[in-house]
Protein backbone atom coordinates (compact mmCIF):
# COMPACT_ATOMS: atom_id res chain seq x y z
CA MET A 1 0.00 0.00 0.00
CA ASN A 2 2.94 2.20 0.21
CA GLY A 3 2.87 2.62 -3.50
CA ILE A 4 -0.77 3.70 -3.54
CA GLU A 5 -0.19 6.04 -0.66
CA LYS A 6 2.74 7.52 -2.46
CA ILE A 7 0.72 7.93 -5.64
CA THR A 8 -2.18 9.43 -3.68
CA GLN A 9 0.18 11.76 -1.86
CA ARG A 10 1.81 12.68 -5.12
CA ILE A 11 -1.59 13.31 -6.81
CA THR A 12 -2.66 15.31 -3.76
CA ALA A 13 0.61 17.25 -3.80
CA ASP A 14 0.30 17.85 -7.58
CA ALA A 15 -3.33 18.87 -7.15
CA GLN A 16 -2.41 21.15 -4.26
CA ALA A 17 0.41 22.65 -6.34
CA GLU A 18 -2.02 23.17 -9.24
CA ILE A 19 -4.55 24.71 -6.84
CA ASP A 20 -1.85 26.93 -5.36
CA ARG A 21 -0.69 27.94 -8.85
CA ILE A 22 -4.26 28.68 -10.02
CA LEU A 23 -4.95 30.58 -6.78
CA GLY A 24 -1.69 32.50 -7.20
CA ASP A 25 -2.57 33.33 -10.82
CA ALA A 26 -6.10 34.34 -9.75
CA LYS A 27 -4.73 36.51 -6.93
CA ALA A 28 -2.23 38.09 -9.33
CA GLU A 29 -5.00 38.69 -11.91
CA ALA A 30 -7.27 40.06 -9.19
CA ALA A 31 -4.49 42.35 -7.97
CA LYS A 32 -3.87 43.48 -11.57
CA ILE A 33 -7.59 44.16 -12.11
CA THR A 34 -7.83 45.87 -8.73
CA ALA A 35 -4.82 48.05 -9.54
CA LYS A 36 -6.29 48.91 -12.96
CA TYR A 37 -9.67 49.89 -11.50
CA GLN A 38 -7.98 51.65 -8.57
CA ALA A 39 -5.94 53.72 -11.04
CA GLN A 40 -9.08 54.42 -13.10
CA ALA A 41 -11.01 55.40 -9.96
CA GLU A 42 -8.17 57.68 -8.87
CA ALA A 43 -8.03 59.27 -12.34
CA GLU A 44 -11.80 59.78 -12.37
CA ALA A 45 -11.68 61.16 -8.83
CA ALA A 46 -8.89 63.55 -9.84
CA GLU A 47 -10.83 64.59 -12.96
CA LEU A 48 -14.01 65.06 -10.91
CA ALA A 49 -12.08 67.06 -8.30
CA ALA A 50 -10.58 69.22 -11.05
CA ARG A 51 -14.03 69.77 -12.60
CA ASN A 52 -15.51 70.59 -9.19
CA GLN A 53 -12.64 72.97 -8.46
CA LYS A 54 -13.13 74.67 -11.84
CA ALA A 55 -16.90 74.85 -11.30
CA ALA A 56 -16.34 76.28 -7.81
CA ALA A 57 -13.90 78.86 -9.19
CA GLU A 58 -16.38 79.83 -11.93
CA ARG A 59 -19.20 80.11 -9.39
CA GLU A 60 -17.00 82.21 -7.11
CA GLU A 61 -16.15 84.48 -10.05
CA ARG A 62 -19.84 84.80 -10.99
CA LEU A 63 -20.74 85.63 -7.39
CA GLU A 64 -17.92 88.17 -7.21
CA ASN A 65 -19.05 89.75 -10.49
CA THR A 66 -22.63 89.85 -9.24
CA ALA A 67 -21.51 91.46 -5.98
CA GLN A 68 -19.46 94.04 -7.90
CA MET A 69 -22.44 94.78 -10.16
CA GLU A 70 -24.71 95.19 -7.13
CA ALA A 71 -22.14 97.47 -5.49
CA ARG A 72 -21.99 99.58 -8.67
CA LYS A 73 -25.81 99.73 -8.75
CA VAL A 74 -25.92 100.88 -5.12
CA ALA A 75 -23.19 103.47 -5.75
CA LEU A 76 -24.98 104.67 -8.89
CA ALA A 77 -28.28 104.94 -7.00
CA ALA A 78 -26.54 106.94 -4.26
CA LYS A 79 -24.98 109.25 -6.85
CA GLN A 80 -28.33 109.63 -8.60
CA GLU A 81 -29.92 110.55 -5.27
CA MET A 82 -27.22 113.17 -4.65
CA VAL A 83 -27.74 114.64 -8.14
CA ASP A 84 -31.52 114.73 -7.50
CA LYS A 85 -30.87 116.54 -4.22
CA ALA A 86 -28.56 119.03 -5.96
CA TYR A 87 -31.26 119.97 -8.46
CA ALA A 88 -33.92 120.08 -5.73
CA LEU A 89 -31.64 122.42 -3.76
CA ALA A 90 -31.14 124.60 -6.86
CA LEU A 91 -34.92 124.87 -7.26
CA LYS A 92 -35.33 125.66 -3.57
CA LYS A 93 -32.67 128.39 -3.78
CA LEU A 94 -34.31 129.88 -6.88
CA CYS A 95 -37.64 130.10 -5.07
CA ALA A 96 -36.04 131.46 -1.86
CA MET A 97 -34.11 134.39 -3.39
CA PRO A 98 -34.46 137.76 -1.70
CA GLU A 99 -37.51 139.53 -3.09
CA GLU A 100 -35.62 142.27 -4.95
CA LYS A 101 -33.36 139.77 -6.70
CA TYR A 102 -36.33 137.45 -7.37
CA VAL A 103 -38.23 140.29 -9.08
CA GLN A 104 -35.15 141.08 -11.22
CA VAL A 105 -34.72 137.42 -12.23
CA LEU A 106 -38.41 137.14 -13.14
CA ALA A 107 -38.27 140.40 -15.15
CA ASP A 108 -35.16 139.25 -17.05
CA LEU A 109 -36.76 135.89 -17.74
CA LEU A 110 -40.00 137.57 -18.88
CA ALA A 111 -38.03 139.75 -21.30
CA LYS A 112 -36.24 136.71 -22.77
CA ALA A 113 -39.29 134.46 -22.93
CA SER A 114 -41.70 136.99 -24.40
CA SER A 115 -41.97 136.73 -28.18
CA THR A 116 -44.66 139.36 -28.88
CA GLY A 117 -44.31 141.54 -25.80
CA THR A 118 -48.06 141.43 -25.25
CA GLU A 119 -48.50 138.06 -23.49
CA GLU A 120 -50.40 137.49 -20.30
CA VAL A 121 -48.25 136.44 -17.31
CA ILE A 122 -49.56 133.76 -14.95
CA PHE A 123 -47.88 133.33 -11.55
CA SER A 124 -48.44 131.12 -8.53
CA PRO A 125 -50.98 132.59 -6.08
CA LYS A 126 -48.16 133.60 -3.71
CA ASP A 127 -45.97 135.20 -6.42
CA GLN A 128 -48.93 136.97 -8.03
CA LYS A 129 -49.68 138.82 -4.78
CA LYS A 130 -46.10 139.36 -3.67
CA VAL A 131 -43.98 140.05 -6.78
CA GLY A 132 -46.17 139.64 -9.88
CA LYS A 133 -46.90 143.31 -10.59
CA ALA A 134 -43.34 144.44 -9.83
CA ALA A 135 -41.83 141.79 -12.16
CA VAL A 136 -44.24 142.61 -15.02
CA ASP A 137 -43.70 146.36 -14.59
CA LEU A 138 -39.91 145.93 -14.61
CA ALA A 139 -40.05 143.71 -17.74
CA ASN A 140 -42.32 146.26 -19.46
CA LYS A 141 -39.69 149.01 -19.04
CA GLY A 142 -38.12 147.65 -22.22
CA GLY A 143 -41.19 148.65 -24.26
CA ARG A 144 -43.22 145.49 -23.79
CA LYS A 145 -46.89 145.45 -22.87
CA LEU A 146 -47.10 142.29 -20.79
CA LYS A 147 -50.22 141.89 -18.65
CA LEU A 148 -50.49 140.37 -15.21
CA SER A 149 -53.14 137.63 -15.36
CA LYS A 150 -55.79 137.27 -12.69
CA GLU A 151 -55.44 133.50 -13.16
CA THR A 152 -52.90 131.61 -11.02
CA ARG A 153 -51.31 128.17 -11.34
CA PRO A 154 -49.90 125.76 -8.74
CA ILE A 155 -46.23 126.28 -9.62
CA GLN A 156 -43.29 126.65 -7.23
CA GLY A 157 -41.82 129.75 -8.82
CA GLY A 158 -41.41 131.39 -12.18
CA PHE A 159 -44.39 131.97 -14.45
CA ILE A 160 -46.36 130.87 -17.49
CA LEU A 161 -46.67 133.18 -20.48
CA ARG A 162 -49.92 132.95 -22.45
CA ALA A 163 -50.60 134.43 -25.85
CA LYS A 164 -54.05 133.40 -27.09
CA ASN A 165 -54.00 129.56 -27.02
CA VAL A 166 -50.22 129.17 -26.70
CA GLU A 167 -48.53 128.89 -23.33
CA VAL A 168 -44.81 129.03 -22.59
CA ASN A 169 -43.98 127.29 -19.33
CA CYS A 170 -41.26 129.19 -17.47
CA ALA A 171 -42.04 127.64 -14.09
CA PHE A 172 -38.79 127.15 -12.19
CA ASP A 173 -39.34 123.42 -11.74
CA THR A 174 -39.73 123.05 -15.53
CA LEU A 175 -36.67 125.20 -16.22
CA VAL A 176 -34.58 123.23 -13.70
CA ARG A 177 -35.77 119.94 -15.25
CA LEU A 178 -34.83 121.18 -18.74
CA GLN A 179 -31.45 122.42 -17.53
CA ARG A 180 -30.84 119.08 -15.86
CA ALA A 181 -30.90 117.34 -19.22
CA GLU A 182 -28.11 119.65 -20.41
CA THR A 183 -26.06 119.98 -17.23
CA ALA A 184 -26.33 116.61 -15.46
CA GLY A 185 -22.93 115.46 -16.72
CA ALA A 186 -21.20 118.57 -15.41
CA VAL A 187 -23.02 118.31 -12.08
CA VAL A 188 -21.94 114.66 -11.71
CA LYS A 189 -18.32 115.63 -12.43
CA LYS A 190 -18.52 118.46 -9.90
CA LEU A 191 -20.13 116.29 -7.19
CA PHE A 192 -17.99 113.20 -7.87
CA PRO A 193 -14.64 114.27 -9.36
CA GLU A 194 -13.18 110.76 -8.99
CA ALA A 195 -15.88 109.23 -11.23
């Protein structure tokens, strides 16, 4: 029986060697496949991280640009408010001139605005009582025949000239608004020299 035992041991040893070789090959193949997929996973992870980093940088840039745009809008709104206040102050100062100077300004403006010299002059209720006659009389010294109207209008200062059905609006708020269109750039430069 020694011979059969030896043969059986040899077959078992050969089978074990074949099993060990197959297992070794399988482990090597598994390690190779694992390494390949590990490398692929690392490459994909690196690519994904790079894409995420790029996307994050782009988002950060967009947010920064949006914040800068909002800051410019706020600054522009503040500047616009200051320009509005400057023109409102100009109108207020026009209406608050000392009476003698106010009458002179109205008379000069009447002389320039009158085309026929015979128009009717409409003031605010306050100006009609306080300075209307004096301004018309002073403007008429140049040979005009302007007439002080009994009608009044709700204007802040200045006047409205009427000749038949045509009216020329020389109310101070209208004149300031018209001047604003022409002078806004200069006012902005004066108020904000760094802009």
